[in-house]
C-alpha atoms as a PDB file:
ATOM      1  CA  MET A   1      -0.071   0.028  -0.043  1.00  0.00           C
ATOM      2  CA  LEU A   2       1.310   3.458  -0.890  1.00  0.00           C
ATOM      3  CA  PHE A   3       0.995   6.511   1.303  1.00  0.00           C
ATOM      4  CA  ALA A   4       0.879  10.092   0.163  1.00  0.00           C
ATOM      5  CA  ASP A   5       3.314  12.591   1.830  1.00  0.00           C
ATOM      6  CA  HIS A   6       0.925  13.715   4.643  1.00  0.00           C
ATOM      7  CA  GLY A   7       3.006  13.179   7.691  1.00  0.00           C
ATOM      8  CA  ASP A   8       4.448   9.925   8.940  1.00  0.00           C
ATOM      9  CA  GLY A   9       2.861   6.860   7.279  1.00  0.00           C
ATOM     10  CA  ASN A  10       3.783   3.407   7.975  1.00  0.00           C
ATOM     11  CA  SER A  11       3.686   0.503   5.627  1.00  0.00           C
ATOM     12  CA  ASN A  12       1.546  -1.696   7.808  1.00  0.00           C
ATOM     13  CA  PRO A  13      -1.860   0.109   7.871  1.00  0.00           C
ATOM     14  CA  LEU A  14      -4.248  -0.160  10.812  1.00  0.00           C
ATOM     15  CA  LEU A  15      -7.346  -2.149  10.597  1.00  0.00           C
ATOM     16  CA  GLY A  16     -10.077  -0.186   8.856  1.00  0.00           C
ATOM     17  CA  GLU A  17      -7.510   2.262   7.394  1.00  0.00           C
ATOM     18  CA  THR A  18      -8.181   3.332   3.843  1.00  0.00           C
ATOM     19  CA  TYR A  19      -6.205   4.651   1.021  1.00  0.00           C
ATOM     20  CA  GLU A  20      -7.746   6.719  -1.741  1.00  0.00           C
ATOM     21  CA  CYS A  21      -6.467   7.902  -5.112  1.00  0.00           C
ATOM     22  CA  ILE A  22      -8.707  10.134  -7.152  1.00  0.00           C
ATOM     23  CA  ARG A  23      -7.476  11.398 -10.582  1.00  0.00           C
ATOM     24  CA  PRO A  24     -10.199  13.489 -12.127  1.00  0.00           C
ATOM     25  CA  GLU A  25      -9.813  14.649 -15.825  1.00  0.00           C
ATOM     26  CA  ARG A  26     -10.800  18.163 -14.741  1.00  0.00           C
ATOM     27  CA  GLY A  27     -10.237  20.104 -11.615  1.00  0.00           C
ATOM     28  CA  GLU A  28     -12.550  19.145  -8.665  1.00  0.00           C
ATOM     29  CA  SER A  29     -12.658  20.073  -5.014  1.00  0.00           C
ATOM     30  CA  PHE A  30     -11.656  17.322  -2.529  1.00  0.00           C
ATOM     31  CA  PRO A  31     -12.765  16.851   1.047  1.00  0.00           C
ATOM     32  CA  PRO A  32     -10.231  18.028   3.499  1.00  0.00           C
ATOM     33  CA  LEU A  33      -8.286  15.723   5.599  1.00  0.00           C
ATOM     34  CA  PHE A  34      -9.799  17.045   8.830  1.00  0.00           C
ATOM     35  CA  LEU A  35     -13.454  15.967   7.993  1.00  0.00           C
ATOM     36  CA  SER A  36     -14.734  12.979   9.732  1.00  0.00           C
ATOM     37  CA  TYR A  37     -14.957   9.552   7.798  1.00  0.00           C
ATOM     38  CA  ARG A  38     -18.675   9.863   7.558  1.00  0.00           C
ATOM     39  CA  ALA A  39     -18.512  13.470   6.271  1.00  0.00           C
ATOM     40  CA  ARG A  40     -15.981  12.508   3.649  1.00  0.00           C
ATOM     41  CA  VAL A  41     -18.193   9.626   2.493  1.00  0.00           C
ATOM     42  CA  ILE A  42     -21.017  11.919   2.067  1.00  0.00           C
ATOM     43  CA  SER A  43     -18.925  14.444   0.180  1.00  0.00           C
ATOM     44  CA  ASN A  44     -17.590  11.721  -2.126  1.00  0.00           C
ATOM     45  CA  ILE A  45     -21.220  10.506  -2.870  1.00  0.00           C
ATOM     46  CA  GLN A  46     -22.236  14.095  -3.747  1.00  0.00           C
ATOM     47  CA  THR A  47     -19.150  14.460  -5.940  1.00  0.00           C
ATOM     48  CA  ARG A  48     -19.933  11.254  -7.922  1.00  0.00           C
ATOM     49  CA  ARG A  49     -23.486  12.483  -8.634  1.00  0.00           C
ATOM     50  CA  HIS A  50     -22.020  15.408 -10.637  1.00  0.00           C
ATOM     51  CA  HIS A  51     -18.714  13.885 -11.943  1.00  0.00           C
ATOM     52  CA  HIS A  52     -18.306  10.601 -13.709  1.00  0.00           C
ATOM     53  CA  THR A  53     -14.925  11.029 -15.367  1.00  0.00           C
ATOM     54  CA  GLY A  54     -11.490  10.205 -14.279  1.00  0.00           C
ATOM     55  CA  PHE A  55      -9.882   7.503 -12.198  1.00  0.00           C
ATOM     56  CA  ARG A  56     -10.913   6.533  -8.605  1.00  0.00           C
ATOM     57  CA  PHE A  57      -9.236   4.014  -6.307  1.00  0.00           C
ATOM     58  CA  ILE A  58      -9.955   2.911  -2.701  1.00  0.00           C
ATOM     59  CA  SER A  59      -8.539   0.206  -0.554  1.00  0.00           C
ATOM     60  CA  GLU A  60      -9.175  -0.862   2.984  1.00  0.00           C
ATOM     61  CA  LYS A  61      -7.474  -3.206   5.335  1.00  0.00           C
ATOM     62  CA  VAL A  62     -10.352  -5.531   6.468  1.00  0.00           C
ATOM     63  CA  SER A  63      -8.221  -7.988   8.401  1.00  0.00           C
ATOM     64  CA  HIS A  64      -5.009  -7.472  10.442  1.00  0.00           C
ATOM     65  CA  HIS A  65      -4.113 -11.097  11.349  1.00  0.00           C
ATOM     66  CA  PRO A  66      -3.868 -12.369   8.752  1.00  0.00           C
ATOM     67  CA  PRO A  67      -3.512  -9.140   6.712  1.00  0.00           C
ATOM     68  CA  VAL A  68      -6.165  -8.787   4.022  1.00  0.00           C
ATOM     69  CA  LEU A  69      -6.679  -5.755   1.847  1.00  0.00           C
ATOM     70  CA  ALA A  70      -9.803  -5.137  -0.131  1.00  0.00           C
ATOM     71  CA  PHE A  71      -9.742  -2.678  -3.165  1.00  0.00           C
ATOM     72  CA  HIS A  72     -11.896  -1.285  -5.786  1.00  0.00           C
ATOM     73  CA  THR A  73     -11.109   1.066  -8.812  1.00  0.00           C
ATOM     74  CA  ASP A  74     -13.118   2.354 -11.696  1.00  0.00           C
ATOM     75  CA  ALA A  75     -12.534   4.601 -14.675  1.00  0.00           C
ATOM     76  CA  ALA A  76     -15.936   4.861 -16.081  1.00  0.00           C
ATOM     77  CA  SER A  77     -14.981   7.183 -18.833  1.00  0.00           C
ATOM     78  CA  ARG A  78     -12.467   4.614 -20.086  1.00  0.00           C
ATOM     79  CA  GLY A  79     -14.921   1.744 -19.636  1.00  0.00           C
ATOM     80  CA  TRP A  80     -13.395  -0.512 -16.878  1.00  0.00           C
ATOM     81  CA  GLN A  81     -13.533  -1.589 -13.262  1.00  0.00           C
ATOM     82  CA  VAL A  82     -11.101  -3.455 -11.127  1.00  0.00           C
ATOM     83  CA  SER A  83     -11.943  -5.017  -7.713  1.00  0.00           C
ATOM     84  CA  GLY A  84     -10.758  -7.823  -5.396  1.00  0.00           C
ATOM     85  CA  HIS A  85      -8.731  -8.512  -2.387  1.00  0.00           C
ATOM     86  CA  VAL A  86      -5.122  -9.478  -1.516  1.00  0.00           C
ATOM     87  CA  ALA A  87      -3.868 -11.500   1.348  1.00  0.00           C
ATOM     88  CA  PRO A  88      -0.031 -11.622   1.256  1.00  0.00           C
ATOM     89  CA  ASN A  89       1.833 -14.418   2.998  1.00  0.00           C
ATOM     90  CA  GLN A  90       5.268 -15.896   3.023  1.00  0.00           C
ATOM     91  CA  LYS A  91       7.247 -19.193   3.576  1.00  0.00           C
ATOM     92  CA  PHE A  92      10.765 -19.690   4.482  1.00  0.00           C
ATOM     93  CA  TRP A  93      12.736 -22.376   2.434  1.00  0.00           C
ATOM     94  CA  GLY A  94      16.051 -22.187   4.055  1.00  0.00           C
ATOM     95  CA  ARG A  95      18.145 -20.456   1.525  1.00  0.00           C
ATOM     96  CA  SER A  96      15.185 -18.543  -0.007  1.00  0.00           C
ATOM     97  CA  MET A  97      11.724 -16.956   1.130  1.00  0.00           C
ATOM     98  CA  GLU A  98       8.627 -17.422  -0.955  1.00  0.00           C
ATOM     99  CA  ILE A  99       6.196 -14.521  -1.129  1.00  0.00           C
ATOM    100  CA  PHE A 100       2.770 -15.321  -2.377  1.00  0.00           C
ATOM    101  CA  VAL A 101      -0.428 -13.295  -2.680  1.00  0.00           C
ATOM    102  CA  LEU A 102      -3.712 -15.103  -2.029  1.00  0.00           C
ATOM    103  CA  GLY A 103      -6.994 -13.547  -2.931  1.00  0.00           C
ATOM    104  CA  ASP A 104      -8.796 -12.628  -6.186  1.00  0.00           C
ATOM    105  CA  CYS A 105      -8.740  -9.772  -8.682  1.00  0.00           C
ATOM    106  CA  SER A 106     -11.357  -9.203 -11.281  1.00  0.00           C
ATOM    107  CA  VAL A 107     -11.359  -6.785 -14.324  1.00  0.00           C
ATOM    108  CA  ARG A 108     -14.656  -5.822 -15.890  1.00  0.00           C
ATOM    109  CA  PHE A 109     -15.117  -3.909 -19.183  1.00  0.00           C
ATOM    110  CA  LEU A 110     -18.096  -1.557 -19.154  1.00  0.00           C
ATOM    111  CA  ASP A 111     -18.940  -1.864 -22.877  1.00  0.00           C
ATOM    112  CA  ASP A 112     -21.582  -3.898 -24.707  1.00  0.00           C
ATOM    113  CA  SER A 113     -19.575  -7.247 -24.173  1.00  0.00           C
ATOM    114  CA  ASP A 114     -19.595  -6.744 -20.334  1.00  0.00           C
ATOM    115  CA  GLU A 115     -16.653  -9.096 -20.231  1.00  0.00           C
ATOM    116  CA  GLU A 116     -15.068  -9.874 -16.884  1.00  0.00           C
ATOM    117  CA  TYR A 117     -11.666 -11.400 -16.192  1.00  0.00           C
ATOM    118  CA  SER A 118     -10.093 -12.995 -13.219  1.00  0.00           C
ATOM    119  CA  ILE A 119      -6.364 -12.737 -12.588  1.00  0.00           C
ATOM    120  CA  ARG A 120      -4.222 -15.132 -10.529  1.00  0.00           C
ATOM    121  CA  LYS A 121      -0.677 -14.140  -9.769  1.00  0.00           C
ATOM    122  CA  PRO A 122       2.511 -16.243  -9.444  1.00  0.00           C
ATOM    123  CA  SER A 123       4.784 -16.347  -6.407  1.00  0.00           C
ATOM    124  CA  SER A 124       7.892 -14.164  -5.813  1.00  0.00           C
ATOM    125  CA  PHE A 125      11.111 -15.495  -4.179  1.00  0.00           C
ATOM    126  CA  VAL A 126      13.927 -13.746  -2.486  1.00  0.00           C
ATOM    127  CA  LYS A 127      16.935 -15.827  -3.244  1.00  0.00           C
ATOM    128  CA  ASN A 128      20.402 -16.208  -1.431  1.00  0.00           C
ATOM    129  CA  LEU A 129      19.165 -15.239   1.971  1.00  0.00           C
ATOM    130  CA  VAL A 130      22.175 -17.034   3.626  1.00  0.00           C
ATOM    131  CA  ALA A 131      24.992 -16.155   1.308  1.00  0.00           C
ATOM    132  CA  GLY A 132      25.680 -14.639  -2.042  1.00  0.00           C
ATOM    133  CA  THR A 133      24.047 -11.635  -3.717  1.00  0.00           C
ATOM    134  CA  LYS A 134      20.263 -11.411  -2.902  1.00  0.00           C
ATOM    135  CA  TYR A 135      17.876 -11.070  -5.717  1.00  0.00           C
ATOM    136  CA  ILE A 136      14.094 -11.412  -6.352  1.00  0.00           C
ATOM    137  CA  GLU A 137      12.669 -13.914  -8.820  1.00  0.00           C
ATOM    138  CA  ILE A 138       9.105 -14.464  -9.971  1.00  0.00           C
ATOM    139  CA  VAL A 139       8.272 -18.100 -10.500  1.00  0.00           C
ATOM    140  CA  GLY A 140       5.001 -19.752 -11.607  1.00  0.00           C
ATOM    141  CA  ASP A 141       1.989 -18.986 -13.810  1.00  0.00           C
ATOM    142  CA  LEU A 142       0.058 -15.769 -14.229  1.00  0.00           C
ATOM    143  CA  VAL A 143      -3.412 -16.807 -15.354  1.00  0.00           C
ATOM    144  CA  VAL A 144      -6.045 -14.507 -16.848  1.00  0.00           C
ATOM    145  CA  SER A 145      -9.383 -16.078 -17.434  1.00  0.00           C
ATOM    146  CA  CYS A 146     -12.431 -14.816 -19.121  1.00  0.00           C
ATOM    147  CA  LEU A 147     -15.498 -15.430 -16.856  1.00  0.00           C
ATOM    148  CA  ASN A 148     -17.889 -14.991 -19.893  1.00  0.00           C
ATOM    149  CA  SER A 149     -16.183 -17.891 -21.811  1.00  0.00           C
ATOM    150  CA  LYS A 150     -13.352 -20.370 -21.604  1.00  0.00           C
ATOM    151  CA  ALA A 151     -10.831 -18.010 -23.236  1.00  0.00           C
ATOM    152  CA  HIS A 152      -7.759 -17.588 -21.078  1.00  0.00           C
ATOM    153  CA  ALA A 153      -4.110 -16.558 -21.094  1.00  0.00           C
ATOM    154  CA  VAL A 154      -1.184 -18.145 -19.298  1.00  0.00           C
ATOM    155  CA  VAL A 155       2.202 -16.573 -18.836  1.00  0.00           C
ATOM    156  CA  SER A 156       4.756 -18.812 -17.247  1.00  0.00           C
ATOM    157  CA  PHE A 157       7.624 -17.189 -15.244  1.00  0.00           C
ATOM    158  CA  LYS A 158      10.511 -19.553 -15.546  1.00  0.00           C
ATOM    159  CA  GLU A 159      12.908 -20.250 -12.662  1.00  0.00           C
ATOM    160  CA  GLY A 160      16.480 -19.455 -13.366  1.00  0.00           C
ATOM    161  CA  SER A 161      19.400 -21.794 -12.912  1.00  0.00           C
ATOM    162  CA  SER A 162      21.197 -21.559  -9.524  1.00  0.00           C
ATOM    163  CA  TRP A 163      24.573 -21.679 -11.449  1.00  0.00           C
ATOM    164  CA  GLY A 164      23.552 -20.026 -14.666  1.00  0.00           C
ATOM    165  CA  GLY A 165      23.785 -16.484 -13.455  1.00  0.00           C
ATOM    166  CA  VAL A 166      21.583 -13.495 -14.437  1.00  0.00           C
ATOM    167  CA  SER A 167      21.119 -14.680 -18.070  1.00  0.00           C
ATOM    168  CA  THR A 168      18.941 -17.559 -17.050  1.00  0.00           C
ATOM    169  CA  ARG A 169      16.483 -15.505 -14.918  1.00  0.00           C
ATOM    170  CA  ASN A 170      13.249 -13.513 -15.622  1.00  0.00           C
ATOM    171  CA  LYS A 171      12.405 -15.525 -18.740  1.00  0.00           C
ATOM    172  CA  ILE A 172       8.760 -15.938 -19.637  1.00  0.00           C
ATOM    173  CA  GLU A 173       6.638 -18.013 -22.083  1.00  0.00           C
ATOM    174  CA  GLY A 174       2.903 -17.335 -22.616  1.00  0.00           C
ATOM    175  CA  ARG A 175      -0.008 -18.300 -24.711  1.00  0.00           C
ATOM    176  CA  VAL A 176      -3.494 -16.921 -25.447  1.00  0.00           C
ATOM    177  CA  VAL A 177      -6.160 -19.485 -25.821  1.00  0.00           C
ATOM    178  CA  ASP A 178      -9.646 -18.829 -27.264  1.00  0.00           C
ATOM    179  CA  GLU A 179     -12.950 -20.392 -26.141  1.00  0.00           C
ATOM    180  CA  ARG A 180     -12.570 -23.272 -28.436  1.00  0.00           C
ATOM    181  CA  GLY A 181      -9.132 -24.217 -26.827  1.00  0.00           C
ATOM    182  CA  VAL A 182      -7.128 -22.976 -29.867  1.00  0.00           C
ATOM    183  CA  THR A 183      -3.850 -21.204 -29.053  1.00  0.00           C
ATOM    184  CA  ARG A 184      -4.078 -17.897 -30.869  1.00  0.00           C
ATOM    185  CA  ILE A 185      -0.913 -16.065 -29.568  1.00  0.00           C
ATOM    186  CA  GLU A 186       2.266 -17.268 -28.297  1.00  0.00           C
ATOM    187  CA  LEU A 187       4.654 -14.937 -26.227  1.00  0.00           C
ATOM    188  CA  VAL A 188       8.361 -15.199 -25.269  1.00  0.00           C
ATOM    189  CA  GLY A 189      10.830 -12.877 -23.732  1.00  0.00           C
ATOM    190  CA  ARG A 190      11.906 -11.520 -20.374  1.00  0.00           C
ATOM    191  CA  TRP A 191       9.698  -9.522 -18.041  1.00  0.00           C
ATOM    192  CA  ASP A 192      12.584  -7.249 -17.184  1.00  0.00           C
ATOM    193  CA  ASP A 193      13.618  -6.455 -20.708  1.00  0.00           C
ATOM    194  CA  ALA A 194      11.151  -7.135 -23.592  1.00  0.00           C
ATOM    195  CA  VAL A 195       8.254  -9.323 -24.714  1.00  0.00           C
ATOM    196  CA  ASP A 196       7.719 -10.638 -28.251  1.00  0.00           C
ATOM    197  CA  ARG A 197       4.888 -12.366 -30.175  1.00  0.00           C
ATOM    198  CA  LYS A 198       5.877 -15.434 -31.870  1.00  0.00           C
ATOM    199  CA  ASP A 199       4.807 -15.343 -35.459  1.00  0.00           C
ATOM    200  CA  GLY A 200       6.676 -18.309 -36.687  1.00  0.00           C
ATOM    201  CA  LYS A 201       9.574 -20.443 -35.904  1.00  0.00           C
ATOM    202  CA  HIS A 202      12.126 -17.713 -36.396  1.00  0.00           C
ATOM    203  CA  SER A 203       9.789 -14.618 -36.672  1.00  0.00           C
ATOM    204  CA  PHE A 204       8.833 -12.383 -33.820  1.00  0.00           C
ATOM    205  CA  THR A 205       7.073  -9.047 -33.308  1.00  0.00           C
ATOM    206  CA  ARG A 206       8.154  -6.772 -30.503  1.00  0.00           C
ATOM    207  CA  LEU A 207       5.107  -6.071 -28.204  1.00  0.00           C
ATOM    208  CA  TRP A 208       6.715  -4.367 -25.259  1.00  0.00           C
ATOM    209  CA  GLN A 209      10.037  -2.902 -24.354  1.00  0.00           C
ATOM    210  CA  ILE A 210      11.171  -1.767 -21.017  1.00  0.00           C
ATOM    211  CA  ALA A 211      11.648   1.998 -20.733  1.00  0.00           C
ATOM    212  CA  ASP A 212      14.370   3.943 -19.004  1.00  0.00           C
ATOM    213  CA  SER A 213      14.122   4.322 -15.244  1.00  0.00           C
ATOM    214  CA  PRO A 214      12.839   7.625 -14.012  1.00  0.00           C
ATOM    215  CA  PRO A 215      15.272  10.154 -12.340  1.00  0.00           C
ATOM    216  CA  SER A 216      16.365   9.165  -8.798  1.00  0.00           C
ATOM    217  CA  ALA A 217      14.665   5.733  -9.192  1.00  0.00           C
ATOM    218  CA  SER A 218      16.721   4.239  -6.374  1.00  0.00           C
ATOM    219  CA  LEU A 219      15.341   6.909  -3.966  1.00  0.00           C
ATOM    220  CA  THR A 220      11.750   6.763  -5.089  1.00  0.00           C
ATOM    221  CA  ALA A 221      11.306   2.998  -5.612  1.00  0.00           C
ATOM    222  CA  ALA A 222      10.595   3.867  -9.338  1.00  0.00           C
ATOM    223  CA  LEU A 223       7.086   5.327  -8.465  1.00  0.00           C
ATOM    224  CA  VAL A 224       5.413   7.725 -10.856  1.00  0.00           C
ATOM    225  CA  ALA A 225       5.046  11.291  -9.757  1.00  0.00           C
ATOM    226  CA  PHE A 226       1.547  11.535  -8.439  1.00  0.00           C
ATOM    227  CA  GLN A 227       0.278  14.931  -7.255  1.00  0.00           C
ATOM    228  CA  PRO A 228       0.066  14.642  -3.394  1.00  0.00           C
ATOM    229  CA  ASP A 229      -3.212  16.565  -3.298  1.00  0.00           C
ATOM    230  CA  HIS A 230      -4.938  13.802  -5.185  1.00  0.00           C
ATOM    231  CA  CYS A 231      -3.485  10.931  -3.033  1.00  0.00           C
ATOM    232  CA  LEU A 232      -4.801  10.795   0.466  1.00  0.00           C
ATOM    233  CA  SER A 233      -3.958   8.283   3.129  1.00  0.00           C
ATOM    234  CA  ARG A 234      -6.624   8.348   5.899  1.00  0.00           C
ATOM    235  CA  ARG A 235      -7.359   6.512   9.173  1.00  0.00           C
ATOM    236  CA  MET A 236     -11.028   5.996   9.994  1.00  0.00           C
ATOM    237  CA  ILE A 237     -11.144   7.491  13.439  1.00  0.00           C
ATOM    238  CA  ASP A 238     -14.765   8.135  13.761  1.00  0.00           C
END
């Protein structure tokens, strides 16, 4: 969870604490921080009645032990909604630690198709905890399934060799399968470099290429520069 620069914020929110990010396409007034939670909810409802554009996100910590975060976001003018919950957990394997995120995430498109997709994420590993250079590796399948049909996509994050070095890490292979079970697209590449569509045995089309890191990325965790007035971290104290 991210916190805006409004005083001291910790990375482990309190039970019931919310985070909001509102990105309107045109200037709107926002409820001040000193308003009670109930007053802010009423103000937000009144704002929604008159403004239906922009991007809105809200998350709330609904369980502290184990930690569970619920979230919802919508961009009605762009035609989509995302909602779900995440329950992060971890397991120690001796030389490495596995970090996995349970829960569900669904994406709904607000057009005539009304298609909805579920997303299941793979695990992340912190390697070389005891000795050597520590690094993070994603291992497993990222699965995106259409709930309106049997179409789905699977992106497999391959585990690198313990002795092969950096060149063996971060490789992916993917496929997009239609409702009839026919593979329509194949993907290959590295998630930290570039992803290509496989058009033939030796023919590829570049779909995505990593961009340059923003200035001072090591100090800002490579986060984009949101306006602090639009990102408010709040505790429900009423």
